Amino acid sequence: DYEPGSYSLMVLVESEGGSVGDTLALGVELKESFSDIEILSTFTDVTVEAGNTITYPLQVENNGDNDDQLTMNVVSAPDNWDAVFMSGSIEVSSFYLPVDDFEHLNLVVEPPSNTETGDYALVIQAESAEGALSEKIELKATVVGSHDVELELSTLFTTITIGDSVEFNVEVTNAGLSPLTFLHLETTVPADWGVTVSPSQLASLAPMTSVIFTLSAETPSDTVAGDYIVTVQALSDQAESEEADLRLTAQASTSWGFLGLGLAIIAVIGLAIVFTRFKRR
């Protein structure tokens, strides 16, 4: 508990009788010990998609005179952002650090999934057991949009009568965390087939919401009976979905079958009548 300053000590040596002796003056300069804590960060400004975890690598150094017990503090952070200091897989709030030594830590930050795009900042600081503080370190994060489009067909297989049209629904979901703009469907159909989509496009679709498109495909009257593929994909200004295929089986109209059957029956009846007449003769 001595105050810092200059102090002197006198050392005396003498013989048993006191006839021989000498003194030696010693000086002591008592100075106050100091804490010098420094935080270094490799990356102080990062860009991340909304909802993703941010990791800031840190190095904490003890450049003071004494070993110290250090406490890590998040001085300020955006609302509802979780931030913890990690050493490997262990969450750390306080640790012992010898003089002239250092410790590697990660500041792991989790922004909420509904975080709006923009620039954000966090401020951290280390404190020694005696209350000495390191300089504050500001860490920045730029949150950008997260975009993901999913598409689902109401059916993967259907039949169609040649010359007619068939309708089916296409559900498109904004599975990302940011709005999608100019959302529309792109289709690939066999040559000369007609196709219409309603609505033709959507100006905007909010995150985690869906919209139903109705797709109508029309076959020409000269279409050859058989199986055909209609490919559908959802596109927007920000992202596009995977392609989905619908298999259409084109069949001839059943009315022609009934007409042929009727003609066959008439022919059989006619032959029976002729046969009956000739038999009587």
Protein backbone atom coordinates (compact mmCIF):
# COMPACT_ATOMS: atom_id res chain seq x y z
CA ASP A 1 0.00 0.00 0.00
CA TYR A 2 3.02 2.31 -0.33
CA GLU A 3 2.65 5.29 -2.59
CA PRO A 4 4.88 5.37 -5.69
CA GLY A 5 8.10 7.40 -5.17
CA SER A 6 11.80 7.29 -4.17
CA TYR A 7 12.83 5.46 -1.00
CA SER A 8 16.25 4.81 0.64
CA LEU A 9 17.60 2.00 2.81
CA MET A 10 20.83 2.06 4.87
CA VAL A 11 22.81 -1.16 5.40
CA LEU A 12 25.28 -1.18 8.35
CA VAL A 13 28.07 -3.73 8.97
CA GLU A 14 30.43 -3.60 12.00
CA SER A 15 32.71 -5.76 14.06
CA GLU A 16 31.71 -7.22 17.40
CA GLY A 17 33.51 -4.52 19.32
CA GLY A 18 32.36 -1.79 17.05
CA SER A 19 35.85 -0.73 16.08
CA VAL A 20 35.43 -1.60 12.41
CA GLY A 21 32.33 -0.82 10.36
CA ASP A 22 30.88 0.62 7.21
CA THR A 23 27.54 1.66 5.73
CA LEU A 24 25.96 1.32 2.31
CA ALA A 25 23.06 3.43 1.12
CA LEU A 26 20.55 1.73 -1.21
CA GLY A 27 17.91 3.52 -3.22
CA VAL A 28 14.54 2.08 -4.37
CA GLU A 29 12.30 3.68 -6.95
CA LEU A 30 8.78 2.37 -6.31
CA LYS A 31 6.54 2.73 -9.30
CA GLU A 32 2.92 1.84 -9.83
CA SER A 33 2.21 -1.35 -11.78
CA PHE A 34 0.02 -0.91 -14.85
CA SER A 35 -2.32 -2.99 -16.94
CA ASP A 36 -2.10 -2.85 -20.70
CA ILE A 37 -4.73 -4.98 -22.46
CA GLU A 38 -5.07 -4.93 -26.22
CA ILE A 39 -7.64 -6.55 -28.52
CA LEU A 40 -6.71 -7.21 -32.12
CA SER A 41 -9.19 -8.32 -34.78
CA THR A 42 -8.28 -9.79 -38.16
CA PHE A 43 -11.62 -8.83 -39.71
CA THR A 44 -13.51 -5.82 -38.39
CA ASP A 45 -15.92 -5.31 -41.30
CA VAL A 46 -17.84 -8.25 -42.83
CA THR A 47 -20.77 -8.81 -45.20
CA VAL A 48 -23.32 -11.52 -44.39
CA GLU A 49 -26.75 -12.69 -45.55
CA ALA A 50 -29.63 -12.10 -43.18
CA GLY A 51 -30.04 -14.98 -40.73
CA ASN A 52 -26.45 -16.24 -41.04
CA THR A 53 -23.92 -16.39 -38.21
CA ILE A 54 -21.00 -13.93 -38.11
CA THR A 55 -17.61 -14.91 -36.65
CA TYR A 56 -15.00 -12.30 -35.74
CA PRO A 57 -11.55 -13.77 -34.89
CA LEU A 58 -9.88 -11.91 -31.99
CA GLN A 59 -6.51 -11.90 -30.24
CA VAL A 60 -6.37 -10.57 -26.68
CA GLU A 61 -2.89 -9.54 -25.44
CA ASN A 62 -1.60 -8.77 -21.92
CA ASN A 63 1.13 -6.17 -22.38
CA GLY A 64 1.10 -4.97 -18.77
CA ASP A 65 3.33 -5.66 -15.77
CA ASN A 66 1.28 -8.37 -14.08
CA ASP A 67 -0.61 -11.54 -14.84
CA ASP A 68 -4.28 -10.72 -14.98
CA GLN A 69 -7.81 -12.07 -14.94
CA LEU A 70 -9.62 -10.58 -17.90
CA THR A 71 -13.34 -10.21 -18.56
CA MET A 72 -14.71 -9.76 -22.08
CA ASN A 73 -17.66 -7.43 -22.54
CA VAL A 74 -19.99 -6.58 -25.44
CA VAL A 75 -20.45 -2.88 -24.78
CA SER A 76 -23.13 -2.36 -27.42
CA ALA A 77 -24.89 -4.41 -30.09
CA PRO A 78 -28.02 -4.13 -32.25
CA ASP A 79 -31.28 -5.13 -30.59
CA ASN A 80 -31.94 -8.88 -30.37
CA TRP A 81 -28.50 -9.81 -31.72
CA ASP A 82 -26.88 -12.65 -29.74
CA ALA A 83 -23.12 -12.27 -29.27
CA VAL A 84 -20.82 -14.62 -27.30
CA PHE A 85 -17.05 -15.06 -26.96
CA MET A 86 -15.87 -18.57 -27.84
CA SER A 87 -12.61 -20.44 -27.33
CA GLY A 88 -13.01 -23.44 -29.60
CA SER A 89 -16.36 -24.93 -28.61
CA ILE A 90 -16.35 -23.34 -25.12
CA GLU A 91 -18.21 -20.12 -24.37
CA VAL A 92 -15.89 -17.73 -22.49
CA SER A 93 -16.66 -14.66 -20.41
CA SER A 94 -13.52 -14.45 -18.23
CA PHE A 95 -10.06 -16.02 -18.40
CA TYR A 96 -6.58 -15.83 -16.87
CA LEU A 97 -3.83 -14.33 -19.02
CA PRO A 98 -0.15 -14.19 -17.97
CA VAL A 99 1.95 -11.13 -18.72
CA ASP A 100 3.31 -10.95 -22.27
CA ASP A 101 0.92 -13.69 -23.36
CA PHE A 102 -2.14 -13.73 -25.62
CA GLU A 103 -5.36 -15.67 -26.17
CA HIS A 104 -7.24 -16.42 -29.40
CA LEU A 105 -11.01 -15.98 -29.18
CA ASN A 106 -13.93 -15.78 -31.60
CA LEU A 107 -16.83 -13.40 -31.20
CA VAL A 108 -19.80 -15.33 -32.61
CA VAL A 109 -22.77 -13.16 -33.53
CA GLU A 110 -26.22 -14.34 -34.62
CA PRO A 111 -28.46 -11.66 -36.15
CA PRO A 112 -32.21 -12.45 -36.14
CA SER A 113 -33.54 -13.98 -39.37
CA ASN A 114 -35.80 -10.96 -39.90
CA THR A 115 -32.94 -8.45 -39.76
CA GLU A 116 -33.37 -5.77 -42.40
CA THR A 117 -30.56 -5.15 -44.86
CA GLY A 118 -28.13 -2.39 -43.89
CA ASP A 119 -25.01 -1.58 -41.86
CA TYR A 120 -24.67 -2.51 -38.19
CA ALA A 121 -21.98 -2.18 -35.51
CA LEU A 122 -20.93 -3.92 -32.28
CA VAL A 123 -18.49 -2.57 -29.69
CA ILE A 124 -16.41 -4.85 -27.44
CA GLN A 125 -13.94 -4.23 -24.60
CA ALA A 126 -11.74 -6.21 -22.17
CA GLU A 127 -11.47 -5.40 -18.45
CA SER A 128 -8.77 -6.46 -15.98
CA ALA A 129 -9.43 -7.61 -12.42
CA GLU A 130 -8.25 -4.19 -11.18
CA GLY A 131 -10.72 -2.43 -13.46
CA ALA A 132 -8.30 -1.37 -16.19
CA LEU A 133 -10.00 -1.26 -19.60
CA SER A 134 -8.70 -1.93 -23.05
CA GLU A 135 -9.53 0.36 -25.92
CA LYS A 136 -12.97 -0.22 -27.35
CA ILE A 137 -13.04 -2.13 -30.65
CA GLU A 138 -15.84 -1.49 -33.14
CA LEU A 139 -16.85 -4.42 -35.35
CA LYS A 140 -19.05 -3.76 -38.35
CA ALA A 141 -21.47 -5.98 -40.29
CA THR A 142 -23.26 -5.31 -43.56
CA VAL A 143 -26.40 -7.43 -43.83
CA VAL A 144 -27.52 -8.21 -47.38
CA GLY A 145 -30.67 -9.91 -48.63
CA SER A 146 -31.15 -13.67 -48.47
CA HIS A 147 -33.03 -15.01 -51.51
CA ASP A 148 -34.40 -18.48 -52.23
CA VAL A 149 -37.25 -19.51 -54.54
CA GLU A 150 -39.07 -22.86 -54.34
CA LEU A 151 -41.55 -24.23 -56.88
CA GLU A 152 -44.08 -27.06 -56.59
CA LEU A 153 -46.49 -28.39 -59.24
CA SER A 154 -50.02 -29.48 -58.31
CA THR A 155 -49.38 -32.67 -60.32
CA LEU A 156 -46.48 -34.32 -62.10
CA PHE A 157 -48.57 -36.29 -64.61
CA THR A 158 -51.85 -35.69 -66.44
CA THR A 159 -53.62 -36.55 -69.69
CA ILE A 160 -54.94 -34.22 -72.38
CA THR A 161 -57.20 -34.74 -75.36
CA ILE A 162 -55.59 -33.65 -78.62
CA GLY A 163 -56.96 -30.25 -79.59
CA ASP A 164 -57.99 -29.40 -76.01
CA SER A 165 -56.24 -27.58 -73.17
CA VAL A 166 -55.40 -28.58 -69.62
CA GLU A 167 -54.83 -26.44 -66.50
CA PHE A 168 -52.70 -27.06 -63.44
CA ASN A 169 -51.41 -24.98 -60.55
CA VAL A 170 -47.85 -23.93 -59.77
CA GLU A 171 -47.10 -22.87 -56.17
CA VAL A 172 -44.11 -20.56 -55.82
CA THR A 173 -42.69 -19.86 -52.34
CA ASN A 174 -40.26 -17.15 -51.27
CA ALA A 175 -38.13 -19.29 -48.94
CA GLY A 176 -35.60 -16.49 -48.40
CA LEU A 177 -35.52 -13.67 -45.88
CA SER A 178 -35.87 -10.76 -48.30
CA PRO A 179 -38.61 -9.78 -50.77
CA LEU A 180 -38.57 -11.04 -54.36
CA THR A 181 -39.46 -8.66 -57.19
CA PHE A 182 -40.72 -9.25 -60.73
CA LEU A 183 -41.63 -12.86 -60.04
CA HIS A 184 -42.85 -14.83 -63.06
CA LEU A 185 -42.88 -18.29 -64.63
CA GLU A 186 -40.86 -19.43 -67.59
CA THR A 187 -42.17 -22.48 -69.48
CA THR A 188 -40.80 -24.81 -72.14
CA VAL A 189 -43.47 -26.64 -74.17
CA PRO A 190 -43.48 -28.71 -77.38
CA ALA A 191 -43.45 -26.80 -80.68
CA ASP A 192 -46.74 -25.11 -81.65
CA TRP A 193 -48.32 -25.73 -78.25
CA GLY A 194 -50.01 -22.75 -76.66
CA VAL A 195 -49.39 -21.81 -73.05
CA THR A 196 -50.79 -19.06 -70.80
CA VAL A 197 -49.93 -18.19 -67.20
CA SER A 198 -52.14 -16.31 -64.74
CA PRO A 199 -51.05 -14.03 -63.22
CA SER A 200 -48.43 -13.27 -65.84
CA GLN A 201 -46.12 -11.79 -63.19
CA LEU A 202 -46.03 -10.59 -59.57
CA ALA A 203 -44.48 -7.27 -58.64
CA SER A 204 -43.28 -8.45 -55.20
CA LEU A 205 -43.48 -11.48 -52.92
CA ALA A 206 -42.74 -11.12 -49.20
CA PRO A 207 -40.39 -13.54 -47.38
CA MET A 208 -41.85 -16.89 -46.29
CA THR A 209 -45.05 -16.42 -48.35
CA SER A 210 -46.40 -18.23 -51.42
CA VAL A 211 -48.39 -17.46 -54.57
CA ILE A 212 -50.35 -19.74 -56.89
CA PHE A 213 -49.90 -19.43 -60.66
CA THR A 214 -52.36 -21.16 -62.99
CA LEU A 215 -50.80 -22.58 -66.14
CA SER A 216 -52.88 -23.60 -69.15
CA ALA A 217 -51.38 -25.70 -71.98
CA GLU A 218 -53.22 -26.20 -75.29
CA THR A 219 -52.41 -28.86 -77.89
CA PRO A 220 -52.77 -28.31 -81.66
CA SER A 221 -55.34 -30.51 -83.42
CA ASP A 222 -52.59 -32.25 -85.42
CA THR A 223 -50.64 -33.33 -82.32
CA VAL A 224 -49.50 -36.94 -82.48
CA ALA A 225 -50.70 -39.04 -79.58
CA GLY A 226 -47.98 -39.74 -77.05
CA ASP A 227 -46.12 -38.38 -73.99
CA TYR A 228 -44.82 -34.80 -73.83
CA ILE A 229 -42.91 -32.77 -71.23
CA VAL A 230 -43.77 -29.26 -70.02
CA THR A 231 -40.91 -27.65 -68.04
CA VAL A 232 -41.66 -24.85 -65.54
CA GLN A 233 -39.28 -22.55 -63.65
CA ALA A 234 -39.88 -19.55 -61.38
CA LEU A 235 -37.66 -16.50 -61.86
CA SER A 236 -37.29 -13.15 -60.12
CA ASP A 237 -34.87 -10.23 -60.16
CA GLN A 238 -32.95 -11.81 -57.27
CA ALA A 239 -33.13 -15.61 -57.66
CA GLU A 240 -34.59 -18.50 -59.61
CA SER A 241 -36.02 -21.88 -58.66
CA GLU A 242 -35.08 -25.35 -59.82
CA GLU A 243 -36.87 -26.55 -62.96
CA ALA A 244 -39.88 -28.88 -62.58
CA ASP A 245 -41.27 -31.20 -65.26
CA LEU A 246 -44.89 -32.13 -65.94
CA ARG A 247 -45.54 -35.16 -68.17
CA LEU A 248 -48.59 -34.82 -70.42
CA THR A 249 -50.06 -37.78 -72.26
CA ALA A 250 -51.89 -36.60 -75.40
CA GLN A 251 -54.77 -38.86 -76.44
CA ALA A 252 -57.12 -38.87 -79.42
CA SER A 253 -60.68 -37.72 -78.78
CA THR A 254 -63.02 -40.55 -77.65
CA SER A 255 -65.77 -39.18 -79.92
CA TRP A 256 -63.92 -40.61 -82.91
CA GLY A 257 -63.89 -43.99 -81.23
CA PHE A 258 -67.64 -43.87 -80.63
CA LEU A 259 -68.22 -42.81 -84.25
CA GLY A 260 -66.12 -45.72 -85.52
CA LEU A 261 -67.97 -48.12 -83.24
CA GLY A 262 -71.31 -46.83 -84.50
CA LEU A 263 -70.27 -47.27 -88.12
CA ALA A 264 -69.11 -50.81 -87.39
CA ILE A 265 -72.46 -51.67 -85.76
CA ILE A 266 -74.37 -50.23 -88.72
CA ALA A 267 -72.23 -52.27 -91.13
CA VAL A 268 -72.90 -55.48 -89.18
CA ILE A 269 -76.65 -54.82 -89.10
CA GLY A 270 -76.62 -54.15 -92.87
CA LEU A 271 -74.79 -57.38 -93.57
CA ALA A 272 -77.26 -59.29 -91.38
CA ILE A 273 -80.22 -57.88 -93.29
CA VAL A 274 -78.68 -58.77 -96.66
CA PHE A 275 -77.83 -62.27 -95.43
CA THR A 276 -81.39 -62.81 -94.17
CA ARG A 277 -82.92 -61.79 -97.54
CA PHE A 278 -80.65 -64.03 -99.60
CA LYS A 279 -81.36 -66.92 -97.21
CA ARG A 280 -85.13 -66.67 -97.78
CA ARG A 281 -84.65 -66.85 -101.53
